[in-house]
All heavy atoms as atom14 arrays in JSON, in Angstrom:
{
  "sequence": "CTPSAVPDVLSSTGGVIGGRHLLTDGEWLWYSDLVHYVEHYHVALD",
  "atom14_mask": [
    [1, 1, 1, 1, 1, 1, 0, 0, 0, 0, 0, 0, 0, 0],
    [1, 1, 1, 1, 1, 1, 1, 0, 0, 0, 0, 0, 0, 0],
    [1, 1, 1, 1, 1, 1, 1, 0, 0, 0, 0, 0, 0, 0],
    [1, 1, 1, 1, 1, 1, 0, 0, 0, 0, 0, 0, 0, 0],
    [1, 1, 1, 1, 1, 0, 0, 0, 0, 0, 0, 0, 0, 0],
    [1, 1, 1, 1, 1, 1, 1, 0, 0, 0, 0, 0, 0, 0],
    [1, 1, 1, 1, 1, 1, 1, 0, 0, 0, 0, 0, 0, 0],
    [1, 1, 1, 1, 1, 1, 1, 1, 0, 0, 0, 0, 0, 0],
    [1, 1, 1, 1, 1, 1, 1, 0, 0, 0, 0, 0, 0, 0],
    [1, 1, 1, 1, 1, 1, 1, 1, 0, 0, 0, 0, 0, 0],
    [1, 1, 1, 1, 1, 1, 0, 0, 0, 0, 0, 0, 0, 0],
    [1, 1, 1, 1, 1, 1, 0, 0, 0, 0, 0, 0, 0, 0],
    [1, 1, 1, 1, 1, 1, 1, 0, 0, 0, 0, 0, 0, 0],
    [1, 1, 1, 1, 0, 0, 0, 0, 0, 0, 0, 0, 0, 0],
    [1, 1, 1, 1, 0, 0, 0, 0, 0, 0, 0, 0, 0, 0],
    [1, 1, 1, 1, 1, 1, 1, 0, 0, 0, 0, 0, 0, 0],
    [1, 1, 1, 1, 1, 1, 1, 1, 0, 0, 0, 0, 0, 0],
    [1, 1, 1, 1, 0, 0, 0, 0, 0, 0, 0, 0, 0, 0],
    [1, 1, 1, 1, 0, 0, 0, 0, 0, 0, 0, 0, 0, 0],
    [1, 1, 1, 1, 1, 1, 1, 1, 1, 1, 1, 0, 0, 0],
    [1, 1, 1, 1, 1, 1, 1, 1, 1, 1, 0, 0, 0, 0],
    [1, 1, 1, 1, 1, 1, 1, 1, 0, 0, 0, 0, 0, 0],
    [1, 1, 1, 1, 1, 1, 1, 1, 0, 0, 0, 0, 0, 0],
    [1, 1, 1, 1, 1, 1, 1, 0, 0, 0, 0, 0, 0, 0],
    [1, 1, 1, 1, 1, 1, 1, 1, 0, 0, 0, 0, 0, 0],
    [1, 1, 1, 1, 0, 0, 0, 0, 0, 0, 0, 0, 0, 0],
    [1, 1, 1, 1, 1, 1, 1, 1, 1, 0, 0, 0, 0, 0],
    [1, 1, 1, 1, 1, 1, 1, 1, 1, 1, 1, 1, 1, 1],
    [1, 1, 1, 1, 1, 1, 1, 1, 0, 0, 0, 0, 0, 0],
    [1, 1, 1, 1, 1, 1, 1, 1, 1, 1, 1, 1, 1, 1],
    [1, 1, 1, 1, 1, 1, 1, 1, 1, 1, 1, 1, 0, 0],
    [1, 1, 1, 1, 1, 1, 0, 0, 0, 0, 0, 0, 0, 0],
    [1, 1, 1, 1, 1, 1, 1, 1, 0, 0, 0, 0, 0, 0],
    [1, 1, 1, 1, 1, 1, 1, 1, 0, 0, 0, 0, 0, 0],
    [1, 1, 1, 1, 1, 1, 1, 0, 0, 0, 0, 0, 0, 0],
    [1, 1, 1, 1, 1, 1, 1, 1, 1, 1, 0, 0, 0, 0],
    [1, 1, 1, 1, 1, 1, 1, 1, 1, 1, 1, 1, 0, 0],
    [1, 1, 1, 1, 1, 1, 1, 0, 0, 0, 0, 0, 0, 0],
    [1, 1, 1, 1, 1, 1, 1, 1, 1, 0, 0, 0, 0, 0],
    [1, 1, 1, 1, 1, 1, 1, 1, 1, 1, 0, 0, 0, 0],
    [1, 1, 1, 1, 1, 1, 1, 1, 1, 1, 1, 1, 0, 0],
    [1, 1, 1, 1, 1, 1, 1, 1, 1, 1, 0, 0, 0, 0],
    [1, 1, 1, 1, 1, 1, 1, 0, 0, 0, 0, 0, 0, 0],
    [1, 1, 1, 1, 1, 0, 0, 0, 0, 0, 0, 0, 0, 0],
    [1, 1, 1, 1, 1, 1, 1, 1, 0, 0, 0, 0, 0, 0],
    [1, 1, 1, 1, 1, 1, 1, 1, 0, 0, 0, 0, 0, 0]
  ],
  "atom14_positions": [
    [[13.92, 12.39, -9.99], [12.71, 11.66, -10.35], [12.96, 10.89, -11.64], [13.6, 11.4, -12.55], [11.54, 12.63, -10.57], [11.08, 13.53, -9.09], [0.0, 0.0, 0.0], [0.0, 0.0, 0.0], [0.0, 0.0, 0.0], [0.0, 0.0, 0.0], [0.0, 0.0, 0.0], [0.0, 0.0, 0.0], [0.0, 0.0, 0.0], [0.0, 0.0, 0.0]],
    [[12.47, 9.66, -11.66], [12.61, 8.85, -12.87], [11.23, 8.29, -13.24], [10.39, 8.09, -12.36], [13.58, 7.67, -12.66], [12.97, 6.72, -11.78], [14.91, 8.12, -12.1], [0.0, 0.0, 0.0], [0.0, 0.0, 0.0], [0.0, 0.0, 0.0], [0.0, 0.0, 0.0], [0.0, 0.0, 0.0], [0.0, 0.0, 0.0], [0.0, 0.0, 0.0]],
    [[11.02, 8.03, -14.52], [9.76, 7.43, -14.93], [9.79, 5.9, -14.9], [8.85, 5.25, -15.32], [9.61, 7.93, -16.38], [11.02, 8.02, -16.86], [11.83, 8.45, -15.64], [0.0, 0.0, 0.0], [0.0, 0.0, 0.0], [0.0, 0.0, 0.0], [0.0, 0.0, 0.0], [0.0, 0.0, 0.0], [0.0, 0.0, 0.0], [0.0, 0.0, 0.0]],
    [[10.88, 5.34, -14.4], [11.03, 3.89, -14.42], [9.93, 3.2, -13.62], [9.51, 3.68, -12.57], [12.4, 3.49, -13.87], [12.55, 3.96, -12.55], [0.0, 0.0, 0.0], [0.0, 0.0, 0.0], [0.0, 0.0, 0.0], [0.0, 0.0, 0.0], [0.0, 0.0, 0.0], [0.0, 0.0, 0.0], [0.0, 0.0, 0.0], [0.0, 0.0, 0.0]],
    [[9.47, 2.07, -14.14], [8.45, 1.28, -13.46], [9.14, 0.41, -12.42], [10.02, -0.38, -12.74], [7.7, 0.42, -14.47], [0.0, 0.0, 0.0], [0.0, 0.0, 0.0], [0.0, 0.0, 0.0], [0.0, 0.0, 0.0], [0.0, 0.0, 0.0], [0.0, 0.0, 0.0], [0.0, 0.0, 0.0], [0.0, 0.0, 0.0], [0.0, 0.0, 0.0]],
    [[8.76, 0.57, -11.18], [9.38, -0.16, -10.07], [8.47, -1.3, -9.64], [7.34, -1.05, -9.21], [9.66, 0.79, -8.88], [10.28, 0.04, -7.73], [10.52, 1.95, -9.32], [0.0, 0.0, 0.0], [0.0, 0.0, 0.0], [0.0, 0.0, 0.0], [0.0, 0.0, 0.0], [0.0, 0.0, 0.0], [0.0, 0.0, 0.0], [0.0, 0.0, 0.0]],
    [[8.94, -2.55, -9.74], [8.1, -3.67, -9.32], [8.15, -3.89, -7.81], [9.12, -3.53, -7.15], [8.74, -4.86, -10.05], [10.19, -4.48, -10.11], [10.2, -2.98, -10.3], [0.0, 0.0, 0.0], [0.0, 0.0, 0.0], [0.0, 0.0, 0.0], [0.0, 0.0, 0.0], [0.0, 0.0, 0.0], [0.0, 0.0, 0.0], [0.0, 0.0, 0.0]],
    [[7.11, -4.49, -7.3], [7.05, -4.89, -5.89], [7.79, -6.23, -5.81], [7.28, -7.26, -6.23], [5.61, -5.04, -5.45], [5.46, -5.48, -4.0], [6.43, -6.01, -3.42], [4.36, -5.3, -3.46], [0.0, 0.0, 0.0], [0.0, 0.0, 0.0], [0.0, 0.0, 0.0], [0.0, 0.0, 0.0], [0.0, 0.0, 0.0], [0.0, 0.0, 0.0]],
    [[9.0, -6.23, -5.26], [9.82, -7.44, -5.23], [9.31, -8.46, -4.22], [9.74, -9.61, -4.25], [11.32, -7.14, -4.98], [11.87, -6.22, -6.05], [11.54, -6.56, -3.59], [0.0, 0.0, 0.0], [0.0, 0.0, 0.0], [0.0, 0.0, 0.0], [0.0, 0.0, 0.0], [0.0, 0.0, 0.0], [0.0, 0.0, 0.0], [0.0, 0.0, 0.0]],
    [[8.41, -8.07, -3.35], [7.85, -9.0, -2.37], [6.54, -9.63, -2.84], [6.06, -10.59, -2.23], [7.63, -8.31, -1.03], [8.9, -7.82, -0.33], [8.54, -7.09, 0.96], [9.86, -8.96, -0.06], [0.0, 0.0, 0.0], [0.0, 0.0, 0.0], [0.0, 0.0, 0.0], [0.0, 0.0, 0.0], [0.0, 0.0, 0.0], [0.0, 0.0, 0.0]],
    [[5.97, -9.11, -3.9], [4.71, -9.62, -4.42], [4.97, -10.77, -5.38], [5.91, -10.73, -6.18], [3.97, -8.5, -5.14], [2.91, -9.01, -5.9], [0.0, 0.0, 0.0], [0.0, 0.0, 0.0], [0.0, 0.0, 0.0], [0.0, 0.0, 0.0], [0.0, 0.0, 0.0], [0.0, 0.0, 0.0], [0.0, 0.0, 0.0], [0.0, 0.0, 0.0]],
    [[4.13, -11.78, -5.36], [4.27, -12.9, -6.29], [3.98, -12.47, -7.73], [4.45, -13.1, -8.66], [3.36, -14.05, -5.88], [2.01, -13.62, -5.89], [0.0, 0.0, 0.0], [0.0, 0.0, 0.0], [0.0, 0.0, 0.0], [0.0, 0.0, 0.0], [0.0, 0.0, 0.0], [0.0, 0.0, 0.0], [0.0, 0.0, 0.0], [0.0, 0.0, 0.0]],
    [[3.23, -11.38, -7.9], [2.92, -10.9, -9.24], [3.91, -9.86, -9.74], [3.95, -9.56, -10.92], [1.51, -10.29, -9.29], [1.48, -9.14, -8.45], [0.46, -11.29, -8.88], [0.0, 0.0, 0.0], [0.0, 0.0, 0.0], [0.0, 0.0, 0.0], [0.0, 0.0, 0.0], [0.0, 0.0, 0.0], [0.0, 0.0, 0.0], [0.0, 0.0, 0.0]],
    [[4.69, -9.27, -8.82], [5.65, -8.24, -9.21], [4.97, -6.99, -9.72], [5.51, -6.29, -10.58], [0.0, 0.0, 0.0], [0.0, 0.0, 0.0], [0.0, 0.0, 0.0], [0.0, 0.0, 0.0], [0.0, 0.0, 0.0], [0.0, 0.0, 0.0], [0.0, 0.0, 0.0], [0.0, 0.0, 0.0], [0.0, 0.0, 0.0], [0.0, 0.0, 0.0]],
    [[3.78, -6.7, -9.21], [3.04, -5.52, -9.64], [3.87, -4.24, -9.52], [4.77, -4.15, -8.69], [0.0, 0.0, 0.0], [0.0, 0.0, 0.0], [0.0, 0.0, 0.0], [0.0, 0.0, 0.0], [0.0, 0.0, 0.0], [0.0, 0.0, 0.0], [0.0, 0.0, 0.0], [0.0, 0.0, 0.0], [0.0, 0.0, 0.0], [0.0, 0.0, 0.0]],
    [[3.57, -3.28, -10.35], [4.31, -2.02, -10.38], [3.86, -1.12, -9.23], [2.67, -0.93, -9.0], [4.11, -1.31, -11.73], [4.75, 0.07, -11.72], [4.71, -2.15, -12.85], [0.0, 0.0, 0.0], [0.0, 0.0, 0.0], [0.0, 0.0, 0.0], [0.0, 0.0, 0.0], [0.0, 0.0, 0.0], [0.0, 0.0, 0.0], [0.0, 0.0, 0.0]],
    [[4.84, -0.6, -8.51], [4.59, 0.32, -7.39], [4.44, 1.75, -7.91], [3.62, 2.51, -7.44], [5.76, 0.26, -6.37], [5.84, -1.11, -5.74], [5.61, 1.34, -5.33], [7.09, -1.33, -4.92], [0.0, 0.0, 0.0], [0.0, 0.0, 0.0], [0.0, 0.0, 0.0], [0.0, 0.0, 0.0], [0.0, 0.0, 0.0], [0.0, 0.0, 0.0]],
    [[5.26, 2.12, -8.86], [5.27, 3.48, -9.4], [6.65, 3.81, -9.92], [7.46, 2.91, -10.16], [0.0, 0.0, 0.0], [0.0, 0.0, 0.0], [0.0, 0.0, 0.0], [0.0, 0.0, 0.0], [0.0, 0.0, 0.0], [0.0, 0.0, 0.0], [0.0, 0.0, 0.0], [0.0, 0.0, 0.0], [0.0, 0.0, 0.0], [0.0, 0.0, 0.0]],
    [[6.93, 5.09, -10.08], [8.26, 5.51, -10.51], [9.21, 5.54, -9.34], [8.8, 5.49, -8.18], [0.0, 0.0, 0.0], [0.0, 0.0, 0.0], [0.0, 0.0, 0.0], [0.0, 0.0, 0.0], [0.0, 0.0, 0.0], [0.0, 0.0, 0.0], [0.0, 0.0, 0.0], [0.0, 0.0, 0.0], [0.0, 0.0, 0.0], [0.0, 0.0, 0.0]],
    [[10.5, 5.6, -9.62], [11.5, 5.66, -8.55], [12.01, 7.09, -8.44], [12.51, 7.67, -9.39], [12.67, 4.73, -8.84], [13.74, 4.83, -7.75], [14.79, 3.75, -7.83], [14.15, 2.47, -7.6], [14.32, 1.41, -8.4], [15.08, 1.48, -9.45], [13.71, 0.28, -8.13], [0.0, 0.0, 0.0], [0.0, 0.0, 0.0], [0.0, 0.0, 0.0]],
    [[11.87, 7.64, -7.23], [12.33, 8.99, -6.94], [13.25, 8.95, -5.73], [12.97, 8.23, -4.77], [11.15, 9.91, -6.66], [10.05, 9.81, -7.66], [10.26, 9.96, -9.01], [8.73, 9.53, -7.52], [9.12, 9.8, -9.66], [8.18, 9.52, -8.77], [0.0, 0.0, 0.0], [0.0, 0.0, 0.0], [0.0, 0.0, 0.0], [0.0, 0.0, 0.0]],
    [[14.32, 9.71, -5.78], [15.21, 9.84, -4.64], [14.7, 10.99, -3.79], [14.58, 12.12, -4.26], [16.65, 10.11, -5.09], [17.69, 10.23, -3.99], [17.79, 8.94, -3.16], [19.05, 10.58, -4.58], [0.0, 0.0, 0.0], [0.0, 0.0, 0.0], [0.0, 0.0, 0.0], [0.0, 0.0, 0.0], [0.0, 0.0, 0.0], [0.0, 0.0, 0.0]],
    [[14.36, 10.68, -2.54], [13.77, 11.65, -1.62], [14.72, 11.96, -0.47], [15.61, 11.17, -0.17], [12.45, 11.11, -1.07], [11.41, 10.69, -2.11], [10.21, 10.03, -1.43], [10.96, 11.87, -2.94], [0.0, 0.0, 0.0], [0.0, 0.0, 0.0], [0.0, 0.0, 0.0], [0.0, 0.0, 0.0], [0.0, 0.0, 0.0], [0.0, 0.0, 0.0]],
    [[14.48, 13.09, 0.17], [15.31, 13.51, 1.3], [14.52, 14.38, 2.26], [13.5, 14.96, 1.89], [16.56, 14.28, 0.81], [17.43, 14.52, 1.93], [16.19, 15.6, 0.16], [0.0, 0.0, 0.0], [0.0, 0.0, 0.0], [0.0, 0.0, 0.0], [0.0, 0.0, 0.0], [0.0, 0.0, 0.0], [0.0, 0.0, 0.0], [0.0, 0.0, 0.0]],
    [[15.05, 14.44, 3.46], [14.54, 15.4, 4.45], [15.62, 16.44, 4.75], [15.55, 17.18, 5.7], [14.1, 14.7, 5.73], [15.23, 13.96, 6.43], [16.39, 14.03, 5.98], [14.94, 13.3, 7.44], [0.0, 0.0, 0.0], [0.0, 0.0, 0.0], [0.0, 0.0, 0.0], [0.0, 0.0, 0.0], [0.0, 0.0, 0.0], [0.0, 0.0, 0.0]],
    [[16.65, 16.46, 3.91], [17.76, 17.38, 4.1], [18.93, 16.75, 4.83], [20.03, 17.29, 4.83], [0.0, 0.0, 0.0], [0.0, 0.0, 0.0], [0.0, 0.0, 0.0], [0.0, 0.0, 0.0], [0.0, 0.0, 0.0], [0.0, 0.0, 0.0], [0.0, 0.0, 0.0], [0.0, 0.0, 0.0], [0.0, 0.0, 0.0], [0.0, 0.0, 0.0]],
    [[18.69, 15.6, 5.44], [19.75, 14.9, 6.15], [19.88, 13.44, 5.69], [20.98, 12.96, 5.53], [19.48, 14.95, 7.66], [19.53, 16.37, 8.22], [19.2, 16.42, 9.69], [19.82, 15.68, 10.47], [18.3, 17.21, 10.06], [0.0, 0.0, 0.0], [0.0, 0.0, 0.0], [0.0, 0.0, 0.0], [0.0, 0.0, 0.0], [0.0, 0.0, 0.0]],
    [[18.78, 12.75, 5.54], [18.76, 11.35, 5.11], [18.24, 11.26, 3.69], [17.51, 12.15, 3.22], [17.84, 10.52, 6.02], [18.42, 10.19, 7.36], [18.58, 11.03, 8.42], [18.9, 8.91, 7.79], [19.13, 10.36, 9.48], [19.32, 9.05, 9.13], [18.99, 7.66, 7.18], [19.84, 7.99, 9.86], [19.5, 6.61, 7.91], [19.93, 6.78, 9.23]],
    [[18.57, 10.15, 3.02], [18.1, 9.87, 1.67], [17.34, 8.55, 1.66], [17.68, 7.64, 2.42], [19.28, 9.74, 0.7], [20.2, 10.94, 0.56], [21.45, 10.56, -0.23], [19.47, 12.08, -0.13], [0.0, 0.0, 0.0], [0.0, 0.0, 0.0], [0.0, 0.0, 0.0], [0.0, 0.0, 0.0], [0.0, 0.0, 0.0], [0.0, 0.0, 0.0]],
    [[16.35, 8.42, 0.78], [15.63, 7.16, 0.57], [14.94, 7.21, -0.78], [14.71, 8.28, -1.34], [14.63, 6.88, 1.69], [13.52, 7.88, 1.82], [12.28, 7.85, 1.23], [13.54, 9.08, 2.6], [11.54, 8.93, 1.59], [12.28, 9.7, 2.44], [14.49, 9.69, 3.43], [11.97, 10.91, 3.07], [14.17, 10.88, 4.05], [12.93, 11.48, 3.86]],
    [[14.61, 6.04, -1.31], [13.86, 5.97, -2.56], [12.38, 5.83, -2.26], [11.97, 5.26, -1.25], [14.35, 4.81, -3.43], [15.64, 5.14, -4.15], [16.85, 4.66, -3.71], [15.62, 5.96, -5.28], [18.03, 4.98, -4.37], [16.79, 6.29, -5.95], [17.99, 5.79, -5.49], [19.15, 6.11, -6.15], [0.0, 0.0, 0.0], [0.0, 0.0, 0.0]],
    [[11.57, 6.35, -3.17], [10.12, 6.43, -2.97], [9.45, 5.07, -2.78], [8.42, 4.99, -2.1], [9.48, 7.17, -4.14], [9.84, 6.56, -5.37], [0.0, 0.0, 0.0], [0.0, 0.0, 0.0], [0.0, 0.0, 0.0], [0.0, 0.0, 0.0], [0.0, 0.0, 0.0], [0.0, 0.0, 0.0], [0.0, 0.0, 0.0], [0.0, 0.0, 0.0]],
    [[9.99, 4.01, -3.33], [9.34, 2.7, -3.16], [9.43, 2.19, -1.73], [8.67, 1.31, -1.33], [9.87, 1.67, -4.15], [11.37, 1.47, -4.1], [12.09, 2.37, -3.64], [11.82, 0.4, -4.56], [0.0, 0.0, 0.0], [0.0, 0.0, 0.0], [0.0, 0.0, 0.0], [0.0, 0.0, 0.0], [0.0, 0.0, 0.0], [0.0, 0.0, 0.0]],
    [[10.29, 2.78, -0.92], [10.4, 2.38, 0.48], [9.07, 2.58, 1.22], [8.69, 1.78, 2.08], [11.52, 3.16, 1.17], [11.9, 2.74, 2.57], [12.35, 1.28, 2.61], [12.99, 3.65, 3.12], [0.0, 0.0, 0.0], [0.0, 0.0, 0.0], [0.0, 0.0, 0.0], [0.0, 0.0, 0.0], [0.0, 0.0, 0.0], [0.0, 0.0, 0.0]],
    [[8.33, 3.62, 0.84], [7.03, 3.89, 1.45], [6.12, 2.68, 1.29], [5.45, 2.25, 2.25], [6.36, 5.13, 0.81], [4.96, 5.34, 1.35], [7.2, 6.37, 1.01], [0.0, 0.0, 0.0], [0.0, 0.0, 0.0], [0.0, 0.0, 0.0], [0.0, 0.0, 0.0], [0.0, 0.0, 0.0], [0.0, 0.0, 0.0], [0.0, 0.0, 0.0]],
    [[6.1, 2.1, 0.11], [5.25, 0.95, -0.19], [5.57, -0.22, 0.74], [4.67, -0.84, 1.29], [5.44, 0.54, -1.65], [4.74, -0.72, -2.01], [3.4, -0.77, -2.3], [5.21, -1.99, -2.12], [3.06, -2.02, -2.57], [4.14, -2.78, -2.47], [0.0, 0.0, 0.0], [0.0, 0.0, 0.0], [0.0, 0.0, 0.0], [0.0, 0.0, 0.0]],
    [[6.85, -0.5, 0.92], [7.24, -1.65, 1.75], [6.92, -1.44, 3.23], [6.52, -2.38, 3.91], [8.71, -1.98, 1.53], [8.97, -2.43, 0.11], [9.7, -1.65, -0.77], [8.44, -3.62, -0.35], [9.91, -2.05, -2.07], [8.63, -4.03, -1.66], [9.37, -3.24, -2.52], [9.56, -3.65, -3.81], [0.0, 0.0, 0.0], [0.0, 0.0, 0.0]],
    [[7.06, -0.22, 3.7], [6.72, 0.06, 5.1], [5.2, 0.0, 5.28], [4.7, -0.61, 6.22], [7.28, 1.42, 5.55], [6.78, 1.8, 6.93], [8.81, 1.41, 5.51], [0.0, 0.0, 0.0], [0.0, 0.0, 0.0], [0.0, 0.0, 0.0], [0.0, 0.0, 0.0], [0.0, 0.0, 0.0], [0.0, 0.0, 0.0], [0.0, 0.0, 0.0]],
    [[4.47, 0.6, 4.35], [3.01, 0.67, 4.47], [2.32, -0.69, 4.28], [1.39, -1.02, 5.01], [2.47, 1.67, 3.45], [0.99, 1.92, 3.55], [0.54, 3.05, 2.65], [1.08, 3.19, 1.52], [-0.35, 3.8, 3.07], [0.0, 0.0, 0.0], [0.0, 0.0, 0.0], [0.0, 0.0, 0.0], [0.0, 0.0, 0.0], [0.0, 0.0, 0.0]],
    [[2.79, -1.47, 3.33], [2.09, -2.73, 3.0], [2.68, -3.97, 3.66], [1.97, -4.96, 3.84], [2.05, -2.92, 1.49], [1.22, -1.87, 0.82], [-0.15, -1.93, 0.75], [1.58, -0.71, 0.22], [-0.6, -0.86, 0.14], [0.42, -0.1, -0.2], [0.0, 0.0, 0.0], [0.0, 0.0, 0.0], [0.0, 0.0, 0.0], [0.0, 0.0, 0.0]],
    [[3.97, -3.93, 3.99], [4.63, -5.1, 4.56], [5.19, -4.83, 5.96], [5.84, -5.69, 6.53], [5.75, -5.59, 3.64], [5.26, -6.01, 2.28], [5.39, -5.17, 1.18], [4.68, -7.27, 2.08], [4.95, -5.56, -0.08], [4.25, -7.66, 0.83], [4.37, -6.81, -0.24], [3.94, -7.2, -1.49], [0.0, 0.0, 0.0], [0.0, 0.0, 0.0]],
    [[4.97, -3.63, 6.46], [5.42, -3.26, 7.81], [6.93, -3.47, 7.97], [7.4, -3.89, 9.03], [4.64, -4.03, 8.88], [3.18, -4.06, 8.63], [2.39, -2.93, 8.7], [2.35, -5.09, 8.29], [1.14, -3.26, 8.41], [1.09, -4.56, 8.16], [0.0, 0.0, 0.0], [0.0, 0.0, 0.0], [0.0, 0.0, 0.0], [0.0, 0.0, 0.0]],
    [[7.68, -3.18, 6.92], [9.12, -3.37, 6.93], [9.76, -2.49, 8.0], [9.49, -1.29, 8.07], [9.72, -3.09, 5.53], [11.23, -2.95, 5.57], [9.31, -4.19, 4.57], [0.0, 0.0, 0.0], [0.0, 0.0, 0.0], [0.0, 0.0, 0.0], [0.0, 0.0, 0.0], [0.0, 0.0, 0.0], [0.0, 0.0, 0.0], [0.0, 0.0, 0.0]],
    [[10.59, -3.12, 8.81], [11.33, -2.39, 9.86], [12.5, -1.64, 9.22], [13.21, -2.2, 8.39], [11.83, -3.37, 10.91], [0.0, 0.0, 0.0], [0.0, 0.0, 0.0], [0.0, 0.0, 0.0], [0.0, 0.0, 0.0], [0.0, 0.0, 0.0], [0.0, 0.0, 0.0], [0.0, 0.0, 0.0], [0.0, 0.0, 0.0], [0.0, 0.0, 0.0]],
    [[12.67, -0.4, 9.63], [13.75, 0.42, 9.09], [14.85, 0.63, 10.13], [14.67, 0.35, 11.32], [13.2, 1.78, 8.64], [12.17, 1.74, 7.53], [11.75, 3.16, 7.16], [12.68, 1.0, 6.31], [0.0, 0.0, 0.0], [0.0, 0.0, 0.0], [0.0, 0.0, 0.0], [0.0, 0.0, 0.0], [0.0, 0.0, 0.0], [0.0, 0.0, 0.0]],
    [[15.95, 1.16, 9.67], [17.09, 1.49, 10.52], [16.59, 2.3, 11.72], [15.96, 3.35, 11.55], [18.07, 2.32, 9.68], [19.29, 2.79, 10.44], [19.19, 3.15, 11.64], [20.37, 2.82, 9.83], [0.0, 0.0, 0.0], [0.0, 0.0, 0.0], [0.0, 0.0, 0.0], [0.0, 0.0, 0.0], [0.0, 0.0, 0.0], [0.0, 0.0, 0.0]]
  ]
}
């Protein structure tokens, strides 16, 4: 977990999404800001 402010790189304002955390399900890894992009921009994943 980090306290770093993560900007929304797809937003014209670059608003802050939150901190950056490395998450896992025990097999795969992803960063917490990925949730934002899937939820708000319907980003297709692997």
